[in-house]
N, C-alpha and C. Protein backbone atom coordinates (compact mmCIF):
# COMPACT_ATOMS: atom_id res chain seq x y z
N UNK A 1 94.26 108.94 53.87
CA UNK A 1 94.38 107.75 54.71
C UNK A 1 94.17 108.08 56.18
N UNK A 2 94.68 109.24 56.59
CA UNK A 2 94.53 109.64 58.00
C UNK A 2 93.06 109.82 58.36
N UNK A 3 92.30 110.42 57.46
CA UNK A 3 90.87 110.62 57.70
C UNK A 3 90.15 109.27 57.81
N UNK A 4 90.52 108.34 56.96
CA UNK A 4 89.92 106.99 57.01
C UNK A 4 90.20 106.33 58.35
N UNK A 5 91.47 106.36 58.76
CA UNK A 5 91.84 105.74 60.03
C UNK A 5 91.14 106.40 61.20
N UNK A 6 91.06 107.72 61.19
CA UNK A 6 90.42 108.44 62.28
C UNK A 6 88.94 108.09 62.39
N UNK A 7 88.26 107.98 61.24
CA UNK A 7 86.84 107.62 61.26
C UNK A 7 86.62 106.26 61.91
N UNK A 8 87.41 105.27 61.51
CA UNK A 8 87.22 103.92 62.04
C UNK A 8 87.67 103.80 63.50
N UNK A 9 88.75 104.50 63.87
CA UNK A 9 89.18 104.48 65.28
C UNK A 9 88.12 105.12 66.17
N UNK A 10 87.58 106.24 65.73
CA UNK A 10 86.56 106.94 66.51
C UNK A 10 85.31 106.07 66.64
N UNK A 11 84.90 105.45 65.55
CA UNK A 11 83.72 104.57 65.60
C UNK A 11 83.96 103.42 66.59
N UNK A 12 85.18 102.89 66.59
CA UNK A 12 85.51 101.83 67.55
C UNK A 12 85.45 102.31 68.98
N UNK A 13 85.88 103.54 69.22
CA UNK A 13 85.81 104.08 70.58
C UNK A 13 84.36 104.28 71.02
N UNK A 14 83.51 104.77 70.11
CA UNK A 14 82.09 104.94 70.44
C UNK A 14 81.48 103.57 70.78
N UNK A 15 81.79 102.58 69.96
CA UNK A 15 81.27 101.24 70.22
C UNK A 15 81.76 100.73 71.57
N UNK A 16 83.06 100.88 71.84
CA UNK A 16 83.63 100.34 73.08
C UNK A 16 83.15 101.06 74.32
N UNK A 17 83.08 102.37 74.26
CA UNK A 17 82.72 103.14 75.46
C UNK A 17 81.21 103.19 75.65
N UNK A 18 80.49 103.58 74.61
CA UNK A 18 79.05 103.82 74.76
C UNK A 18 78.20 102.55 74.74
N UNK A 19 78.59 101.60 73.91
CA UNK A 19 77.72 100.44 73.71
C UNK A 19 78.22 99.15 74.36
N UNK A 20 79.46 99.12 74.81
CA UNK A 20 79.96 97.92 75.50
C UNK A 20 80.29 98.21 76.96
N UNK A 21 81.22 99.14 77.18
CA UNK A 21 81.71 99.40 78.53
C UNK A 21 80.65 99.94 79.48
N UNK A 22 79.87 100.88 79.01
CA UNK A 22 78.88 101.51 79.89
C UNK A 22 77.78 100.53 80.33
N UNK A 23 77.14 99.81 79.43
CA UNK A 23 76.11 98.87 79.91
C UNK A 23 76.68 97.78 80.81
N UNK A 24 77.87 97.28 80.49
CA UNK A 24 78.46 96.21 81.29
C UNK A 24 78.76 96.70 82.71
N UNK A 25 79.19 97.94 82.83
CA UNK A 25 79.50 98.51 84.15
C UNK A 25 78.31 98.38 85.10
N UNK A 26 77.12 98.57 84.59
CA UNK A 26 75.94 98.54 85.45
C UNK A 26 75.45 97.12 85.74
N UNK A 27 76.04 96.11 85.10
CA UNK A 27 75.67 94.73 85.41
C UNK A 27 76.58 94.11 86.46
N UNK A 28 77.68 94.78 86.77
CA UNK A 28 78.59 94.26 87.80
C UNK A 28 77.93 94.40 89.17
N UNK A 29 77.82 93.30 89.92
CA UNK A 29 77.11 93.36 91.20
C UNK A 29 77.78 94.28 92.23
N UNK A 30 79.07 94.50 92.12
CA UNK A 30 79.76 95.33 93.11
C UNK A 30 79.68 96.83 92.80
N UNK A 31 79.14 97.18 91.63
CA UNK A 31 79.04 98.60 91.26
C UNK A 31 77.65 99.11 91.61
N UNK A 32 77.60 100.01 92.57
CA UNK A 32 76.32 100.60 92.96
C UNK A 32 75.93 101.66 91.94
N UNK A 33 74.67 102.02 91.93
CA UNK A 33 74.19 103.05 91.00
C UNK A 33 74.95 104.36 91.15
N UNK A 34 75.13 104.88 92.36
CA UNK A 34 75.88 106.14 92.49
C UNK A 34 77.32 106.04 91.96
N UNK A 35 77.99 104.93 92.24
CA UNK A 35 79.37 104.76 91.76
C UNK A 35 79.37 104.66 90.24
N UNK A 36 78.47 103.87 89.69
CA UNK A 36 78.39 103.73 88.23
C UNK A 36 78.11 105.05 87.55
N UNK A 37 77.19 105.83 88.11
CA UNK A 37 76.86 107.14 87.52
C UNK A 37 78.04 108.09 87.61
N UNK A 38 78.73 108.09 88.74
CA UNK A 38 79.87 108.99 88.91
C UNK A 38 81.01 108.63 87.96
N UNK A 39 81.31 107.33 87.87
CA UNK A 39 82.36 106.90 86.94
C UNK A 39 81.95 107.23 85.51
N UNK A 40 80.70 106.94 85.16
CA UNK A 40 80.21 107.23 83.81
C UNK A 40 80.30 108.71 83.47
N UNK A 41 79.97 109.54 84.44
CA UNK A 41 80.04 110.99 84.21
C UNK A 41 81.47 111.42 83.88
N UNK A 42 82.44 110.87 84.60
CA UNK A 42 83.84 111.22 84.34
C UNK A 42 84.34 110.65 83.02
N UNK A 43 83.95 109.42 82.71
CA UNK A 43 84.36 108.80 81.45
C UNK A 43 83.81 109.59 80.26
N UNK A 44 82.51 109.93 80.30
CA UNK A 44 81.91 110.64 79.18
C UNK A 44 82.40 112.08 79.08
N UNK A 45 82.75 112.70 80.19
CA UNK A 45 83.33 114.05 80.13
C UNK A 45 84.68 114.01 79.43
N UNK A 46 85.51 113.03 79.77
CA UNK A 46 86.82 112.90 79.12
C UNK A 46 86.67 112.50 77.66
N UNK A 47 85.77 111.55 77.39
CA UNK A 47 85.56 111.11 76.01
C UNK A 47 85.07 112.27 75.16
N UNK A 48 84.22 113.12 75.72
CA UNK A 48 83.73 114.28 74.98
C UNK A 48 84.86 115.22 74.61
N UNK A 49 85.81 115.41 75.52
CA UNK A 49 86.97 116.26 75.20
C UNK A 49 87.77 115.68 74.04
N UNK A 50 87.95 114.37 74.05
CA UNK A 50 88.65 113.70 72.96
C UNK A 50 87.87 113.88 71.66
N UNK A 51 86.55 113.71 71.73
CA UNK A 51 85.72 113.85 70.53
C UNK A 51 85.75 115.27 69.98
N UNK A 52 85.76 116.26 70.83
CA UNK A 52 85.85 117.65 70.36
C UNK A 52 87.17 117.84 69.62
N UNK A 53 88.25 117.31 70.17
CA UNK A 53 89.55 117.41 69.50
C UNK A 53 89.54 116.71 68.16
N UNK A 54 88.97 115.51 68.11
CA UNK A 54 88.90 114.77 66.85
C UNK A 54 88.00 115.47 65.84
N UNK A 55 86.92 116.09 66.32
CA UNK A 55 86.03 116.83 65.41
C UNK A 55 86.79 118.00 64.77
N UNK A 56 87.61 118.67 65.55
CA UNK A 56 88.41 119.77 65.01
C UNK A 56 89.40 119.24 63.97
N UNK A 57 90.07 118.15 64.29
CA UNK A 57 91.01 117.54 63.33
C UNK A 57 90.28 117.11 62.07
N UNK A 58 89.12 116.49 62.22
CA UNK A 58 88.34 116.04 61.06
C UNK A 58 87.95 117.22 60.18
N UNK A 59 87.52 118.32 60.79
CA UNK A 59 87.17 119.50 59.99
C UNK A 59 88.37 119.98 59.19
N UNK A 60 89.52 120.02 59.82
CA UNK A 60 90.74 120.42 59.11
C UNK A 60 91.07 119.47 57.98
N UNK A 61 90.97 118.16 58.24
CA UNK A 61 91.26 117.17 57.20
C UNK A 61 90.27 117.24 56.06
N UNK A 62 89.00 117.51 56.36
CA UNK A 62 87.99 117.62 55.29
C UNK A 62 88.32 118.80 54.39
N UNK A 63 88.74 119.90 54.99
CA UNK A 63 89.08 121.08 54.19
C UNK A 63 90.36 120.82 53.39
N UNK A 64 91.36 120.27 54.05
CA UNK A 64 92.66 120.03 53.40
C UNK A 64 92.55 119.04 52.25
N UNK A 65 91.81 117.95 52.48
CA UNK A 65 91.75 116.89 51.47
C UNK A 65 90.63 117.09 50.46
N UNK A 66 89.81 118.10 50.65
CA UNK A 66 88.71 118.41 49.72
C UNK A 66 87.86 117.17 49.43
N UNK A 67 87.35 116.60 50.49
CA UNK A 67 86.57 115.37 50.36
C UNK A 67 85.26 115.63 49.62
N UNK A 68 84.72 114.56 49.06
CA UNK A 68 83.45 114.66 48.34
C UNK A 68 82.26 114.59 49.27
N UNK A 69 81.10 114.70 48.68
CA UNK A 69 79.85 114.72 49.44
C UNK A 69 79.65 113.45 50.26
N UNK A 70 80.08 112.30 49.75
CA UNK A 70 79.91 111.02 50.46
C UNK A 70 80.67 111.00 51.78
N UNK A 71 81.70 111.81 51.90
CA UNK A 71 82.46 111.92 53.16
C UNK A 71 82.00 113.15 53.93
N UNK A 72 81.79 114.25 53.24
CA UNK A 72 81.44 115.51 53.87
C UNK A 72 80.13 115.43 54.66
N UNK A 73 79.10 114.83 54.07
CA UNK A 73 77.79 114.79 54.73
C UNK A 73 77.80 114.00 56.04
N UNK A 74 78.28 112.74 56.06
CA UNK A 74 78.25 112.03 57.34
C UNK A 74 79.17 112.64 58.39
N UNK A 75 80.32 113.19 57.96
CA UNK A 75 81.21 113.80 58.95
C UNK A 75 80.64 115.12 59.48
N UNK A 76 79.91 115.83 58.65
CA UNK A 76 79.23 117.04 59.14
C UNK A 76 78.18 116.67 60.18
N UNK A 77 77.50 115.56 59.95
CA UNK A 77 76.52 115.05 60.93
C UNK A 77 77.22 114.72 62.24
N UNK A 78 78.37 114.05 62.15
CA UNK A 78 79.12 113.66 63.35
C UNK A 78 79.56 114.90 64.13
N UNK A 79 80.10 115.89 63.43
CA UNK A 79 80.55 117.11 64.10
C UNK A 79 79.37 117.84 64.74
N UNK A 80 78.23 117.85 64.05
CA UNK A 80 77.03 118.47 64.62
C UNK A 80 76.55 117.76 65.87
N UNK A 81 76.61 116.43 65.86
CA UNK A 81 76.21 115.64 67.04
C UNK A 81 77.14 115.93 68.21
N UNK A 82 78.44 115.99 67.95
CA UNK A 82 79.38 116.29 69.03
C UNK A 82 79.09 117.67 69.62
N UNK A 83 78.81 118.65 68.76
CA UNK A 83 78.48 119.99 69.25
C UNK A 83 77.21 119.96 70.10
N UNK A 84 76.19 119.25 69.63
CA UNK A 84 74.92 119.14 70.37
C UNK A 84 75.13 118.46 71.72
N UNK A 85 75.91 117.40 71.74
CA UNK A 85 76.19 116.72 72.99
C UNK A 85 76.99 117.60 73.94
N UNK A 86 77.97 118.31 73.41
CA UNK A 86 78.86 119.13 74.24
C UNK A 86 78.13 120.28 74.90
N UNK A 87 77.33 121.00 74.14
CA UNK A 87 76.75 122.24 74.67
C UNK A 87 75.32 122.10 75.18
N UNK A 88 74.67 120.97 74.90
CA UNK A 88 73.29 120.84 75.36
C UNK A 88 73.09 119.57 76.19
N UNK A 89 73.36 118.41 75.60
CA UNK A 89 72.94 117.16 76.22
C UNK A 89 73.80 116.73 77.41
N UNK A 90 75.12 116.77 77.28
CA UNK A 90 75.97 116.35 78.41
C UNK A 90 75.78 117.23 79.64
N UNK A 91 75.65 118.54 79.51
CA UNK A 91 75.36 119.33 80.72
C UNK A 91 74.03 118.93 81.39
N UNK A 92 73.01 118.61 80.60
CA UNK A 92 71.74 118.17 81.18
C UNK A 92 71.89 116.83 81.90
N UNK A 93 72.59 115.90 81.26
CA UNK A 93 72.80 114.59 81.90
C UNK A 93 73.67 114.72 83.15
N UNK A 94 74.67 115.58 83.10
CA UNK A 94 75.52 115.80 84.27
C UNK A 94 74.71 116.37 85.44
N UNK A 95 73.80 117.28 85.13
CA UNK A 95 72.95 117.86 86.19
C UNK A 95 72.06 116.78 86.81
N UNK A 96 71.56 115.87 85.99
CA UNK A 96 70.73 114.77 86.50
C UNK A 96 71.55 113.87 87.43
N UNK A 97 72.78 113.54 87.03
CA UNK A 97 73.64 112.70 87.87
C UNK A 97 73.93 113.41 89.19
N UNK A 98 74.20 114.70 89.14
CA UNK A 98 74.46 115.47 90.35
C UNK A 98 73.26 115.41 91.30
N UNK A 99 72.06 115.51 90.74
CA UNK A 99 70.85 115.42 91.56
C UNK A 99 70.73 114.03 92.20
N UNK A 100 70.97 113.00 91.42
CA UNK A 100 70.85 111.63 91.94
C UNK A 100 71.89 111.38 93.03
N UNK A 101 73.12 111.85 92.80
CA UNK A 101 74.17 111.66 93.80
C UNK A 101 73.88 112.44 95.08
N UNK A 102 73.10 113.52 94.96
CA UNK A 102 72.73 114.31 96.13
C UNK A 102 71.48 113.73 96.83
N UNK A 103 70.99 112.59 96.32
CA UNK A 103 69.84 111.95 96.95
C UNK A 103 68.50 112.45 96.45
N UNK A 104 68.50 113.27 95.42
CA UNK A 104 67.26 113.79 94.86
C UNK A 104 66.80 112.90 93.70
N UNK A 105 65.55 113.03 93.36
CA UNK A 105 65.00 112.30 92.22
C UNK A 105 64.67 113.31 91.12
N UNK A 106 65.44 113.30 90.03
CA UNK A 106 65.14 114.24 88.96
C UNK A 106 63.85 113.86 88.24
N UNK A 107 63.20 114.83 87.61
CA UNK A 107 61.99 114.50 86.86
C UNK A 107 62.33 113.60 85.66
N UNK A 108 61.36 112.80 85.25
CA UNK A 108 61.58 111.93 84.09
C UNK A 108 61.87 112.77 82.86
N UNK A 109 62.82 112.30 82.07
CA UNK A 109 63.18 112.99 80.84
C UNK A 109 63.76 111.96 79.87
N UNK A 110 63.72 112.29 78.60
CA UNK A 110 64.20 111.38 77.56
C UNK A 110 65.65 111.66 77.17
N UNK A 111 66.36 112.44 77.99
CA UNK A 111 67.72 112.84 77.61
C UNK A 111 68.66 111.65 77.39
N UNK A 112 68.55 110.62 78.22
CA UNK A 112 69.43 109.47 78.08
C UNK A 112 69.14 108.73 76.77
N UNK A 113 67.88 108.57 76.44
CA UNK A 113 67.51 107.90 75.19
C UNK A 113 68.00 108.72 73.99
N UNK A 114 67.86 110.03 74.08
CA UNK A 114 68.36 110.91 73.01
C UNK A 114 69.87 110.73 72.86
N UNK A 115 70.58 110.63 73.98
CA UNK A 115 72.03 110.46 73.92
C UNK A 115 72.39 109.14 73.22
N UNK A 116 71.70 108.07 73.56
CA UNK A 116 71.97 106.77 72.94
C UNK A 116 71.70 106.82 71.44
N UNK A 117 70.60 107.44 71.04
CA UNK A 117 70.27 107.57 69.61
C UNK A 117 71.35 108.38 68.89
N UNK A 118 71.79 109.47 69.51
CA UNK A 118 72.84 110.29 68.90
C UNK A 118 74.15 109.52 68.79
N UNK A 119 74.47 108.71 69.79
CA UNK A 119 75.68 107.89 69.72
C UNK A 119 75.59 106.89 68.56
N UNK A 120 74.42 106.30 68.38
CA UNK A 120 74.22 105.37 67.28
C UNK A 120 74.36 106.09 65.94
N UNK A 121 73.75 107.26 65.81
CA UNK A 121 73.86 108.04 64.58
C UNK A 121 75.30 108.48 64.32
N UNK A 122 76.01 108.81 65.39
CA UNK A 122 77.42 109.21 65.26
C UNK A 122 78.24 108.04 64.74
N UNK A 123 78.02 106.86 65.29
CA UNK A 123 78.79 105.70 64.86
C UNK A 123 78.46 105.36 63.40
N UNK A 124 77.21 105.43 63.01
CA UNK A 124 76.83 105.17 61.62
C UNK A 124 77.48 106.20 60.69
N UNK A 125 77.48 107.47 61.10
CA UNK A 125 78.12 108.50 60.29
C UNK A 125 79.60 108.27 60.12
N UNK A 126 80.27 107.88 61.21
CA UNK A 126 81.71 107.60 61.13
C UNK A 126 82.01 106.40 60.24
N UNK A 127 81.21 105.36 60.35
CA UNK A 127 81.41 104.18 59.51
C UNK A 127 81.13 104.50 58.04
N UNK A 128 80.09 105.29 57.79
CA UNK A 128 79.77 105.68 56.40
C UNK A 128 80.90 106.52 55.81
N UNK A 129 81.39 107.48 56.58
CA UNK A 129 82.48 108.34 56.09
C UNK A 129 83.75 107.53 55.89
N UNK A 130 84.07 106.65 56.83
CA UNK A 130 85.26 105.82 56.71
C UNK A 130 85.19 104.92 55.48
N UNK A 131 84.02 104.35 55.23
CA UNK A 131 83.83 103.50 54.06
C UNK A 131 83.97 104.32 52.78
N UNK A 132 83.39 105.52 52.76
CA UNK A 132 83.52 106.39 51.59
C UNK A 132 84.98 106.78 51.36
N UNK A 133 85.71 107.00 52.43
CA UNK A 133 87.15 107.30 52.30
C UNK A 133 87.90 106.11 51.71
N UNK A 134 87.54 104.90 52.14
CA UNK A 134 88.17 103.71 51.59
C UNK A 134 87.93 103.60 50.09
N UNK A 135 86.69 103.85 49.68
CA UNK A 135 86.37 103.82 48.25
C UNK A 135 87.16 104.88 47.49
N UNK A 136 87.31 106.05 48.08
CA UNK A 136 88.08 107.11 47.42
C UNK A 136 89.55 106.71 47.32
N UNK A 137 90.08 106.10 48.37
CA UNK A 137 91.47 105.63 48.33
C UNK A 137 91.66 104.54 47.28
N UNK A 138 90.68 103.67 47.15
CA UNK A 138 90.76 102.60 46.17
C UNK A 138 90.83 103.17 44.76
N UNK A 139 90.06 104.24 44.50
CA UNK A 139 90.08 104.87 43.18
C UNK A 139 91.42 105.55 42.90
N UNK A 140 92.08 106.05 43.96
CA UNK A 140 93.34 106.77 43.80
C UNK A 140 94.56 105.85 43.72
N UNK A 141 94.45 104.67 44.29
CA UNK A 141 95.60 103.76 44.39
C UNK A 141 95.63 102.82 43.20
N UNK A 142 96.70 102.87 42.40
CA UNK A 142 96.79 101.92 41.29
C UNK A 142 97.05 100.51 41.81
N UNK A 143 96.42 99.56 41.22
CA UNK A 143 96.59 98.16 41.61
C UNK A 143 97.66 97.56 40.72
N UNK A 144 98.72 97.06 41.33
CA UNK A 144 99.81 96.46 40.56
C UNK A 144 99.92 94.99 40.90
N UNK A 145 100.25 94.16 39.92
CA UNK A 145 100.35 92.71 40.18
C UNK A 145 101.54 92.35 41.01
């Protein structure tokens, strides 16, 4: 049950932070690009720390509960995405924000689009794993009238 709850809570956080809060922040007329980028950098740095912690917990829960392939595969994808974002993509995006805040223009790159695609894949993986966990719980729980 804990693994199920964690999957759905994490998916909700990805939806709220990456797909709702971040785009809305840039539509507010009082938020300048430098302020929006700086706030976003801090939000995603903190969220990444939370995600690393949750990935560690998920790995432990997968081992402890001996989940099946329907849970193992999407959660392995999620953990891999978090690792890729932590050690490769977020440092690149942070460097770009630092350049912009310093008044420089970084060269064009697809890093932001890659990040959005990975966030979408992460959310799909979490929802798939959470749904598979629900099905597993349904099979384990006797239904009584």
